PDB file of N, CA and C in Angstrom:
ATOM      1  N   UNK A   1      16.984  16.483   6.849  1.00  0.00           N
ATOM      2  CA  UNK A   1      17.762  15.676   7.924  1.00  0.00           C
ATOM      3  C   UNK A   1      17.682  14.142   7.492  1.00  0.00           C
ATOM      4  N   UNK A   2      18.721  13.513   7.799  1.00  0.00           N
ATOM      5  CA  UNK A   2      18.695  12.077   7.650  1.00  0.00           C
ATOM      6  C   UNK A   2      17.860  11.476   8.727  1.00  0.00           C
ATOM      7  N   UNK A   3      17.333  10.230   8.645  1.00  0.00           N
ATOM      8  CA  UNK A   3      16.810   9.656   9.740  1.00  0.00           C
ATOM      9  C   UNK A   3      17.706   9.514  10.817  1.00  0.00           C
ATOM     10  N   UNK A   4      18.959   9.246  10.829  1.00  0.00           N
ATOM     11  CA  UNK A   4      19.770   9.223  12.065  1.00  0.00           C
ATOM     12  C   UNK A   4      19.811  10.493  12.636  1.00  0.00           C
ATOM     13  N   UNK A   5      19.950  11.623  11.831  1.00  0.00           N
ATOM     14  CA  UNK A   5      20.001  13.015  12.434  1.00  0.00           C
ATOM     15  C   UNK A   5      18.672  13.302  13.237  1.00  0.00           C
ATOM     16  N   UNK A   6      17.654  12.889  12.569  1.00  0.00           N
ATOM     17  CA  UNK A   6      16.278  13.056  13.242  1.00  0.00           C
ATOM     18  C   UNK A   6      16.178  12.321  14.603  1.00  0.00           C
ATOM     19  N   UNK A   7      16.741  10.965  14.586  1.00  0.00           N
ATOM     20  CA  UNK A   7      16.800  10.256  15.727  1.00  0.00           C
ATOM     21  C   UNK A   7      17.677  10.982  16.798  1.00  0.00           C
ATOM     22  N   UNK A   8      18.732  11.474  16.445  1.00  0.00           N
ATOM     23  CA  UNK A   8      19.611  12.126  17.493  1.00  0.00           C
ATOM     24  C   UNK A   8      19.036  13.406  18.040  1.00  0.00           C
ATOM     25  N   UNK A   9      18.296  14.106  17.107  1.00  0.00           N
ATOM     26  CA  UNK A   9      17.664  15.323  17.589  1.00  0.00           C
ATOM     27  C   UNK A   9      16.608  14.948  18.458  1.00  0.00           C
ATOM     28  N   UNK A  10      15.820  14.020  18.197  1.00  0.00           N
ATOM     29  CA  UNK A  10      14.577  13.580  18.919  1.00  0.00           C
ATOM     30  C   UNK A  10      15.092  13.024  20.383  1.00  0.00           C
ATOM     31  N   UNK A  11      16.168  12.313  20.377  1.00  0.00           N
ATOM     32  CA  UNK A  11      16.734  11.772  21.576  1.00  0.00           C
ATOM     33  C   UNK A  11      17.185  12.801  22.621  1.00  0.00           C
ATOM     34  N   UNK A  12      17.703  14.053  22.028  1.00  0.00           N
ATOM     35  CA  UNK A  12      18.122  15.132  22.913  1.00  0.00           C
ATOM     36  C   UNK A  12      16.863  15.909  23.378  1.00  0.00           C
ATOM     37  N   UNK A  13      15.694  16.029  22.712  1.00  0.00           N
ATOM     38  CA  UNK A  13      14.591  16.394  23.367  1.00  0.00           C
ATOM     39  C   UNK A  13      13.888  15.354  24.234  1.00  0.00           C
ATOM     40  N   UNK A  14      13.901  14.134  23.951  1.00  0.00           N
ATOM     41  CA  UNK A  14      13.302  13.082  24.757  1.00  0.00           C
ATOM     42  C   UNK A  14      14.151  13.226  26.259  1.00  0.00           C
ATOM     43  N   UNK A  15      15.423  13.146  26.259  1.00  0.00           N
ATOM     44  CA  UNK A  15      16.175  13.219  27.453  1.00  0.00           C
ATOM     45  C   UNK A  15      16.407  14.546  28.114  1.00  0.00           C
ATOM     46  N   UNK A  16      16.362  15.617  27.254  1.00  0.00           N
ATOM     47  CA  UNK A  16      16.741  17.039  27.781  1.00  0.00           C
ATOM     48  C   UNK A  16      18.171  17.172  27.758  1.00  0.00           C
ATOM     49  N   UNK A  17      18.658  18.195  27.396  1.00  0.00           N
ATOM     50  CA  UNK A  17      20.100  18.586  27.371  1.00  0.00           C
ATOM     51  C   UNK A  17      20.164  20.095  27.801  1.00  0.00           C
ATOM     52  N   UNK A  18      21.476  20.497  27.986  1.00  0.00           N
ATOM     53  CA  UNK A  18      21.751  22.015  28.273  1.00  0.00           C
ATOM     54  C   UNK A  18      20.973  22.909  27.200  1.00  0.00           C
ATOM     55  N   UNK A  19      21.142  22.479  26.039  1.00  0.00           N
ATOM     56  CA  UNK A  19      20.672  23.236  24.894  1.00  0.00           C
ATOM     57  C   UNK A  19      19.180  23.029  24.577  1.00  0.00           C
ATOM     58  N   UNK A  20      18.633  21.860  24.852  1.00  0.00           N
ATOM     59  CA  UNK A  20      17.227  21.574  24.643  1.00  0.00           C
ATOM     60  C   UNK A  20      16.683  21.005  25.868  1.00  0.00           C
ATOM     61  N   UNK A  21      15.630  21.721  26.352  1.00  0.00           N
ATOM     62  CA  UNK A  21      14.847  21.239  27.565  1.00  0.00           C
ATOM     63  C   UNK A  21      14.103  19.971  26.979  1.00  0.00           C
ATOM     64  N   UNK A  22      13.744  19.096  28.092  1.00  0.00           N
ATOM     65  CA  UNK A  22      12.956  18.052  27.677  1.00  0.00           C
ATOM     66  C   UNK A  22      11.577  18.355  27.246  1.00  0.00           C
ATOM     67  N   UNK A  23      11.312  17.706  26.004  1.00  0.00           N
ATOM     68  CA  UNK A  23       9.949  18.074  25.295  1.00  0.00           C
ATOM     69  C   UNK A  23       9.564  16.781  24.553  1.00  0.00           C
ATOM     70  N   UNK A  24       8.623  16.027  25.207  1.00  0.00           N
ATOM     71  CA  UNK A  24       8.354  14.641  24.649  1.00  0.00           C
ATOM     72  C   UNK A  24       7.450  14.822  23.381  1.00  0.00           C
ATOM     73  N   UNK A  25       6.733  15.990  23.286  1.00  0.00           N
ATOM     74  CA  UNK A  25       5.899  16.118  21.995  1.00  0.00           C
ATOM     75  C   UNK A  25       6.848  16.430  20.914  1.00  0.00           C
ATOM     76  N   UNK A  26       7.850  17.183  20.999  1.00  0.00           N
ATOM     77  CA  UNK A  26       8.816  17.455  19.947  1.00  0.00           C
ATOM     78  C   UNK A  26       9.663  16.148  19.588  1.00  0.00           C
ATOM     79  N   UNK A  27       9.953  15.441  20.644  1.00  0.00           N
ATOM     80  CA  UNK A  27      10.707  14.262  20.398  1.00  0.00           C
ATOM     81  C   UNK A  27       9.859  13.226  19.648  1.00  0.00           C
ATOM     82  N   UNK A  28       8.697  13.072  20.095  1.00  0.00           N
ATOM     83  CA  UNK A  28       7.878  12.066  19.421  1.00  0.00           C
ATOM     84  C   UNK A  28       7.614  12.378  17.918  1.00  0.00           C
ATOM     85  N   UNK A  29       7.440  13.728  17.536  1.00  0.00           N
ATOM     86  CA  UNK A  29       7.349  14.104  16.249  1.00  0.00           C
ATOM     87  C   UNK A  29       8.519  13.772  15.374  1.00  0.00           C
ATOM     88  N   UNK A  30       9.787  14.002  16.056  1.00  0.00           N
ATOM     89  CA  UNK A  30      10.948  13.622  15.340  1.00  0.00           C
ATOM     90  C   UNK A  30      11.203  12.183  15.275  1.00  0.00           C
ATOM     91  N   UNK A  31      10.971  11.508  16.368  1.00  0.00           N
ATOM     92  CA  UNK A  31      10.977   9.954  16.121  1.00  0.00           C
ATOM     93  C   UNK A  31      10.170   9.462  15.114  1.00  0.00           C
ATOM     94  N   UNK A  32       8.916   9.952  15.084  1.00  0.00           N
ATOM     95  CA  UNK A  32       7.827   9.476  14.039  1.00  0.00           C
ATOM     96  C   UNK A  32       8.393   9.556  12.624  1.00  0.00           C
ATOM     97  N   UNK A  33       8.933  10.927  12.404  1.00  0.00           N
ATOM     98  CA  UNK A  33       9.499  11.122  11.011  1.00  0.00           C
ATOM     99  C   UNK A  33      10.604  10.252  10.693  1.00  0.00           C
ATOM    100  N   UNK A  34      11.504   9.856  11.554  1.00  0.00           N
ATOM    101  CA  UNK A  34      12.613   8.958  11.392  1.00  0.00           C
ATOM    102  C   UNK A  34      11.996   7.560  11.309  1.00  0.00           C
ATOM    103  N   UNK A  35      11.057   7.167  12.082  1.00  0.00           N
ATOM    104  CA  UNK A  35      10.450   5.861  12.044  1.00  0.00           C
ATOM    105  C   UNK A  35       9.834   5.588  10.744  1.00  0.00           C
ATOM    106  N   UNK A  36       9.129   6.616  10.251  1.00  0.00           N
ATOM    107  CA  UNK A  36       8.467   6.429   8.931  1.00  0.00           C
ATOM    108  C   UNK A  36       9.531   6.304   7.717  1.00  0.00           C
ATOM    109  N   UNK A  37      10.648   6.847   8.101  1.00  0.00           N
ATOM    110  CA  UNK A  37      11.775   6.664   7.036  1.00  0.00           C
ATOM    111  C   UNK A  37      12.550   5.215   7.168  1.00  0.00           C
ATOM    112  N   UNK A  38      12.022   4.511   8.186  1.00  0.00           N
ATOM    113  CA  UNK A  38      12.674   3.041   8.437  1.00  0.00           C
ATOM    114  C   UNK A  38      13.672   3.024   9.497  1.00  0.00           C
ATOM    115  N   UNK A  39      13.912   4.100  10.295  1.00  0.00           N
ATOM    116  CA  UNK A  39      14.910   3.999  11.396  1.00  0.00           C
ATOM    117  C   UNK A  39      14.380   3.222  12.520  1.00  0.00           C
ATOM    118  N   UNK A  40      15.005   2.075  12.628  1.00  0.00           N
ATOM    119  CA  UNK A  40      14.481   0.995  13.620  1.00  0.00           C
ATOM    120  C   UNK A  40      14.500   1.530  15.109  1.00  0.00           C
ATOM    121  N   UNK A  41      15.420   2.124  15.527  1.00  0.00           N
ATOM    122  CA  UNK A  41      15.564   2.709  17.016  1.00  0.00           C
ATOM    123  C   UNK A  41      14.262   3.708  17.192  1.00  0.00           C
ATOM    124  N   UNK A  42      14.122   4.397  16.186  1.00  0.00           N
ATOM    125  CA  UNK A  42      13.017   5.419  16.182  1.00  0.00           C
ATOM    126  C   UNK A  42      11.755   4.734  16.292  1.00  0.00           C
ATOM    127  N   UNK A  43      11.561   3.723  15.492  1.00  0.00           N
ATOM    128  CA  UNK A  43      10.312   2.892  15.574  1.00  0.00           C
ATOM    129  C   UNK A  43      10.047   2.350  17.037  1.00  0.00           C
ATOM    130  N   UNK A  44      11.216   1.951  17.681  1.00  0.00           N
ATOM    131  CA  UNK A  44      11.048   1.394  18.907  1.00  0.00           C
ATOM    132  C   UNK A  44      10.595   2.667  19.978  1.00  0.00           C
ATOM    133  N   UNK A  45      11.219   3.642  19.770  1.00  0.00           N
ATOM    134  CA  UNK A  45      10.739   4.847  20.804  1.00  0.00           C
ATOM    135  C   UNK A  45       9.388   5.216  20.352  1.00  0.00           C
ATOM    136  N   UNK A  46       9.052   5.263  19.240  1.00  0.00           N
ATOM    137  CA  UNK A  46       7.478   5.643  18.958  1.00  0.00           C
ATOM    138  C   UNK A  46       6.620   4.746  19.669  1.00  0.00           C
ATOM    139  N   UNK A  47       6.870   3.505  19.363  1.00  0.00           N
ATOM    140  CA  UNK A  47       6.114   2.407  20.069  1.00  0.00           C
ATOM    141  C   UNK A  47       6.078   2.490  21.568  1.00  0.00           C
ATOM    142  N   UNK A  48       7.176   2.786  22.196  1.00  0.00           N
ATOM    143  CA  UNK A  48       7.298   2.922  23.692  1.00  0.00           C
ATOM    144  C   UNK A  48       6.499   4.152  24.150  1.00  0.00           C
ATOM    145  N   UNK A  49       6.587   5.357  23.466  1.00  0.00           N
ATOM    146  CA  UNK A  49       6.018   6.385  23.825  1.00  0.00           C
ATOM    147  C   UNK A  49       4.543   6.365  23.719  1.00  0.00           C
ATOM    148  N   UNK A  50       4.129   5.723  22.631  1.00  0.00           N
ATOM    149  CA  UNK A  50       2.545   5.506  22.540  1.00  0.00           C
ATOM    150  C   UNK A  50       1.941   4.654  23.544  1.00  0.00           C
ATOM    151  N   UNK A  51       2.940   3.638  23.939  1.00  0.00           N
ATOM    152  CA  UNK A  51       2.408   2.678  24.927  1.00  0.00           C
ATOM    153  C   UNK A  51       2.366   3.381  26.315  1.00  0.00           C
ATOM    154  N   UNK A  52       3.201   4.204  26.570  1.00  0.00           N
ATOM    155  CA  UNK A  52       3.259   4.867  27.893  1.00  0.00           C
ATOM    156  C   UNK A  52       2.590   6.198  28.023  1.00  0.00           C
ATOM    157  N   UNK A  53       2.169   6.632  26.832  1.00  0.00           N
ATOM    158  CA  UNK A  53       1.499   7.950  26.710  1.00  0.00           C
ATOM    159  C   UNK A  53       2.364   9.136  26.984  1.00  0.00           C
ATOM    160  N   UNK A  54       3.603   8.998  26.643  1.00  0.00           N
ATOM    161  CA  UNK A  54       4.597  10.115  26.770  1.00  0.00           C
ATOM    162  C   UNK A  54       4.582  11.039  25.563  1.00  0.00           C
ATOM    163  N   UNK A  55       4.129  12.348  25.766  1.00  0.00           N
ATOM    164  CA  UNK A  55       3.934  13.202  24.901  1.00  0.00           C
ATOM    165  C   UNK A  55       3.016  13.046  23.748  1.00  0.00           C
ATOM    166  N   UNK A  56       2.136  11.974  23.828  1.00  0.00           N
ATOM    167  CA  UNK A  56       1.040  11.638  23.096  1.00  0.00           C
ATOM    168  C   UNK A  56       0.075  10.977  23.839  1.00  0.00           C
ATOM    169  N   UNK A  57      -1.181  10.907  23.291  1.00  0.00           N
ATOM    170  CA  UNK A  57      -2.232  10.119  23.943  1.00  0.00           C
ATOM    171  C   UNK A  57      -1.879   8.559  23.861  1.00  0.00           C
ATOM    172  N   UNK A  58      -2.007   7.861  24.886  1.00  0.00           N
ATOM    173  CA  UNK A  58      -1.655   6.397  25.026  1.00  0.00           C
ATOM    174  C   UNK A  58      -2.523   5.728  23.952  1.00  0.00           C
ATOM    175  N   UNK A  59      -1.815   4.803  23.213  1.00  0.00           N
ATOM    176  CA  UNK A  59      -2.572   4.111  22.105  1.00  0.00           C
ATOM    177  C   UNK A  59      -1.889   2.723  21.883  1.00  0.00           C
ATOM    178  N   UNK A  60      -2.324   1.684  22.715  1.00  0.00           N
ATOM    179  CA  UNK A  60      -1.722   0.454  22.454  1.00  0.00           C
ATOM    180  C   UNK A  60      -1.719  -0.198  21.071  1.00  0.00           C
ATOM    181  N   UNK A  61      -2.806  -0.083  20.380  1.00  0.00           N
ATOM    182  CA  UNK A  61      -2.902  -0.544  19.134  1.00  0.00           C
ATOM    183  C   UNK A  61      -1.769  -0.047  18.169  1.00  0.00           C
ATOM    184  N   UNK A  62      -1.771   1.306  18.216  1.00  0.00           N
ATOM    185  CA  UNK A  62      -0.606   1.970  17.342  1.00  0.00           C
ATOM    186  C   UNK A  62       0.846   1.607  17.851  1.00  0.00           C
ATOM    187  N   UNK A  63       0.907   1.462  19.259  1.00  0.00           N
ATOM    188  CA  UNK A  63       2.182   1.203  19.795  1.00  0.00           C
ATOM    189  C   UNK A  63       2.684  -0.250  19.492  1.00  0.00           C
ATOM    190  N   UNK A  64       1.772  -1.247  19.426  1.00  0.00           N
ATOM    191  CA  UNK A  64       2.064  -2.486  19.092  1.00  0.00           C
ATOM    192  C   UNK A  64       2.478  -2.617  17.511  1.00  0.00           C
ATOM    193  N   UNK A  65       1.939  -1.850  16.693  1.00  0.00           N
ATOM    194  CA  UNK A  65       2.082  -1.763  15.334  1.00  0.00           C
ATOM    195  C   UNK A  65       3.704  -1.366  15.104  1.00  0.00           C
ATOM    196  N   UNK A  66       4.045  -0.291  15.779  1.00  0.00           N
ATOM    197  CA  UNK A  66       5.604   0.107  15.697  1.00  0.00           C
ATOM    198  C   UNK A  66       6.459  -0.857  16.361  1.00  0.00           C
ATOM    199  N   UNK A  67       6.216  -1.434  17.526  1.00  0.00           N
ATOM    200  CA  UNK A  67       6.995  -2.286  18.108  1.00  0.00           C
ATOM    201  C   UNK A  67       7.106  -3.572  17.496  1.00  0.00           C
ATOM    202  N   UNK A  68       6.132  -4.034  16.877  1.00  0.00           N
ATOM    203  CA  UNK A  68       6.222  -5.162  16.011  1.00  0.00           C
ATOM    204  C   UNK A  68       7.243  -4.947  14.755  1.00  0.00           C
ATOM    205  N   UNK A  69       7.185  -3.817  14.239  1.00  0.00           N
ATOM    206  CA  UNK A  69       8.001  -3.572  13.133  1.00  0.00           C
ATOM    207  C   UNK A  69       9.496  -3.525  13.567  1.00  0.00           C
ATOM    208  N   UNK A  70       9.868  -2.917  14.622  1.00  0.00           N
ATOM    209  CA  UNK A  70      11.062  -2.861  15.206  1.00  0.00           C
ATOM    210  C   UNK A  70      11.646  -4.331  15.713  1.00  0.00           C
ATOM    211  N   UNK A  71      10.652  -5.011  16.335  1.00  0.00           N
ATOM    212  CA  UNK A  71      11.058  -6.219  16.812  1.00  0.00           C
ATOM    213  C   UNK A  71      11.419  -7.206  15.807  1.00  0.00           C
ATOM    214  N   UNK A  72      10.595  -7.066  14.571  1.00  0.00           N
ATOM    215  CA  UNK A  72      11.046  -7.921  13.379  1.00  0.00           C
ATOM    216  C   UNK A  72      12.296  -7.693  12.934  1.00  0.00           C
ATOM    217  N   UNK A  73      12.878  -6.546  13.208  1.00  0.00           N
ATOM    218  CA  UNK A  73      14.266  -6.095  12.695  1.00  0.00           C
ATOM    219  C   UNK A  73      15.314  -6.532  13.822  1.00  0.00           C
ATOM    220  N   UNK A  74      14.731  -7.127  14.913  1.00  0.00           N
ATOM    221  CA  UNK A  74      15.877  -7.486  15.858  1.00  0.00           C
ATOM    222  C   UNK A  74      16.047  -6.591  16.977  1.00  0.00           C
ATOM    223  N   UNK A  75      15.295  -5.542  17.135  1.00  0.00           N
ATOM    224  CA  UNK A  75      15.558  -4.408  18.261  1.00  0.00           C
ATOM    225  C   UNK A  75      14.900  -5.080  19.592  1.00  0.00           C
ATOM    226  N   UNK A  76      15.967  -5.324  20.384  1.00  0.00           N
ATOM    227  CA  UNK A  76      15.723  -5.926  21.781  1.00  0.00           C
ATOM    228  C   UNK A  76      14.749  -5.053  22.597  1.00  0.00           C
ATOM    229  N   UNK A  77      15.033  -3.743  22.600  1.00  0.00           N
ATOM    230  CA  UNK A  77      14.253  -2.698  23.422  1.00  0.00           C
ATOM    231  C   UNK A  77      12.557  -2.901  23.035  1.00  0.00           C
ATOM    232  N   UNK A  78      12.622  -2.984  21.741  1.00  0.00           N
ATOM    233  CA  UNK A  78      11.162  -3.062  21.065  1.00  0.00           C
ATOM    234  C   UNK A  78      10.501  -4.351  21.517  1.00  0.00           C
ATOM    235  N   UNK A  79      11.149  -5.391  21.458  1.00  0.00           N
ATOM    236  CA  UNK A  79      10.851  -6.705  22.054  1.00  0.00           C
ATOM    237  C   UNK A  79      10.218  -6.621  23.381  1.00  0.00           C
ATOM    238  N   UNK A  80      11.173  -6.016  24.286  1.00  0.00           N
ATOM    239  CA  UNK A  80      10.690  -5.967  25.688  1.00  0.00           C
ATOM    240  C   UNK A  80       9.453  -5.188  25.908  1.00  0.00           C
ATOM    241  N   UNK A  81       9.384  -4.043  25.141  1.00  0.00           N
ATOM    242  CA  UNK A  81       8.297  -3.116  25.146  1.00  0.00           C
ATOM    243  C   UNK A  81       7.024  -3.807  24.870  1.00  0.00           C
ATOM    244  N   UNK A  82       7.228  -4.638  23.682  1.00  0.00           N
ATOM    245  CA  UNK A  82       5.982  -5.412  23.038  1.00  0.00           C
ATOM    246  C   UNK A  82       5.476  -6.315  24.108  1.00  0.00           C
ATOM    247  N   UNK A  83       6.365  -7.023  24.707  1.00  0.00           N
ATOM    248  CA  UNK A  83       5.937  -7.936  25.855  1.00  0.00           C
ATOM    249  C   UNK A  83       5.291  -7.259  26.940  1.00  0.00           C
ATOM    250  N   UNK A  84       5.571  -6.043  27.180  1.00  0.00           N
ATOM    251  CA  UNK A  84       4.917  -5.344  28.295  1.00  0.00           C
ATOM    252  C   UNK A  84       3.527  -4.809  27.972  1.00  0.00           C
ATOM    253  N   UNK A  85       3.434  -4.567  26.542  1.00  0.00           N
ATOM    254  CA  UNK A  85       2.091  -4.308  25.937  1.00  0.00           C
ATOM    255  C   UNK A  85       1.129  -5.493  26.109  1.00  0.00           C
ATOM    256  N   UNK A  86       1.664  -6.567  25.791  1.00  0.00           N
ATOM    257  CA  UNK A  86       0.754  -7.855  25.866  1.00  0.00           C
ATOM    258  C   UNK A  86       0.431  -8.133  27.281  1.00  0.00           C
ATOM    259  N   UNK A  87       1.281  -7.823  28.332  1.00  0.00           N
ATOM    260  CA  UNK A  87       0.886  -8.136  29.586  1.00  0.00           C
ATOM    261  C   UNK A  87      -0.319  -7.322  29.984  1.00  0.00           C
TER     262      UNK A  87
END
């Protein structure tokens, strides 16, 4: 799958759909795969999920790493989440 396809699949697990029940762990795995391939929105989701402990153990250090990467590419959601981590 392409990074965009991974992102879209992850988003459907993150939000839950008629076909896919909400599953944060599956969503995180797919977001992470897309993030590692350079998908900016996925990098932001990985960072937010890590900072909130959604589907994974909360890890601010790793969250900040991913949020910084996405923020440097101009992702506004990542910038907001990064600010929350610093608070």
